[in-house]
Amino acid sequence: MVAASVKPDAKKRVVLPKALVEEGITYHIYTNKFGQIVLDPQVTIPASELWLFKNPAALASVKRGLADAAQGKISKVDLGAL
């Protein structure tokens, strides 16, 4: 439980506790058969970056690179030589 006994305001809005609110997050709102309201956090990406998520090989390559960097497996590249 994050909050208890929260009531909608005069405009029927419910304010989320600060602990739940993050920069850049939007929500899909669902209700279930018990009448509970479910907030499903979402993030958006620029359309220019969508290609990466549609290309499994490229996405896997980026994930491998991030994993390598996290493990310190990095090397310097001379950009002038490219």
Protein backbone atom coordinates (compact mmCIF):
# COMPACT_ATOMS: atom_id res chain seq x y z
CA MET A 1 0.00 0.00 0.00
CA VAL A 2 1.28 3.43 -0.92
CA ALA A 3 -1.55 5.58 0.44
CA ALA A 4 -4.75 5.02 2.40
CA SER A 5 -8.19 6.65 2.39
CA VAL A 6 -7.46 8.95 -0.55
CA LYS A 7 -10.52 10.82 -1.80
CA PRO A 8 -11.01 12.46 -5.18
CA ASP A 9 -11.05 16.27 -5.13
CA ALA A 10 -13.93 18.44 -6.36
CA LYS A 11 -12.91 17.76 -9.98
CA LYS A 12 -12.81 13.99 -9.30
CA ARG A 13 -9.00 13.86 -9.46
CA VAL A 14 -6.79 11.71 -7.28
CA VAL A 15 -3.28 13.01 -6.58
CA LEU A 16 -0.49 10.44 -6.66
CA PRO A 17 2.00 10.43 -3.76
CA LYS A 18 5.35 12.03 -4.66
CA ALA A 19 7.09 8.69 -4.15
CA LEU A 20 5.25 7.28 -7.20
CA VAL A 21 5.76 10.16 -9.59
CA GLU A 22 8.82 10.00 -11.84
CA GLU A 23 9.94 12.34 -14.61
CA GLY A 24 8.73 11.26 -18.05
CA ILE A 25 6.28 8.59 -16.86
CA THR A 26 2.71 8.46 -18.15
CA TYR A 27 0.09 5.88 -17.22
CA HIS A 28 -2.37 3.58 -18.90
CA ILE A 29 -5.36 3.19 -16.57
CA TYR A 30 -7.24 -0.08 -16.21
CA THR A 31 -9.99 -1.37 -13.95
CA ASN A 32 -10.35 -5.00 -12.97
CA LYS A 33 -13.40 -7.10 -12.15
CA PHE A 34 -13.17 -6.03 -8.49
CA GLY A 35 -13.48 -2.34 -9.40
CA GLN A 36 -9.84 -1.65 -8.54
CA ILE A 37 -8.00 0.95 -10.57
CA VAL A 38 -4.65 -0.17 -11.93
CA LEU A 39 -2.03 2.32 -13.14
CA ASP A 40 0.43 0.85 -15.64
CA PRO A 41 3.51 3.12 -15.93
CA GLN A 42 4.64 3.86 -19.49
CA VAL A 43 7.56 5.63 -21.09
CA THR A 44 7.72 7.04 -24.57
CA ILE A 45 10.62 7.11 -26.97
CA PRO A 46 11.29 9.47 -29.85
CA ALA A 47 10.03 8.13 -33.20
CA SER A 48 13.59 8.44 -34.51
CA GLU A 49 14.68 5.74 -32.00
CA LEU A 50 11.85 3.30 -32.73
CA TRP A 51 13.93 1.50 -35.38
CA LEU A 52 16.19 0.14 -32.63
CA PHE A 53 13.33 -1.60 -30.84
CA LYS A 54 12.07 -3.02 -34.15
CA ASN A 55 15.50 -4.44 -34.99
CA PRO A 56 16.28 -7.37 -32.65
CA ALA A 57 19.89 -7.72 -33.84
CA ALA A 58 20.67 -4.04 -33.28
CA LEU A 59 18.96 -4.05 -29.87
CA ALA A 60 20.90 -7.15 -28.82
CA SER A 61 24.13 -5.46 -29.91
CA VAL A 62 23.36 -2.36 -27.84
CA LYS A 63 22.51 -4.52 -24.81
CA ARG A 64 25.81 -6.43 -25.21
CA GLY A 65 27.69 -3.15 -25.42
CA LEU A 66 26.01 -1.82 -22.29
CA ALA A 67 26.76 -5.06 -20.42
CA ASP A 68 30.40 -4.90 -21.54
CA ALA A 69 30.70 -1.27 -20.42
CA ALA A 70 29.15 -2.12 -17.04
CA GLN A 71 31.84 -4.79 -16.61
CA GLY A 72 34.59 -2.35 -17.56
CA LYS A 73 35.26 -4.02 -20.92
CA ILE A 74 35.95 -0.84 -22.82
CA SER A 75 38.68 0.48 -25.09
CA LYS A 76 39.54 3.89 -26.50
CA VAL A 77 38.93 4.56 -30.18
CA ASP A 78 40.87 7.09 -32.21
CA LEU A 79 38.01 8.85 -33.98
CA GLY A 80 40.46 10.58 -36.30
CA ALA A 81 41.52 7.20 -37.68
CA LEU A 82 37.98 6.29 -38.71
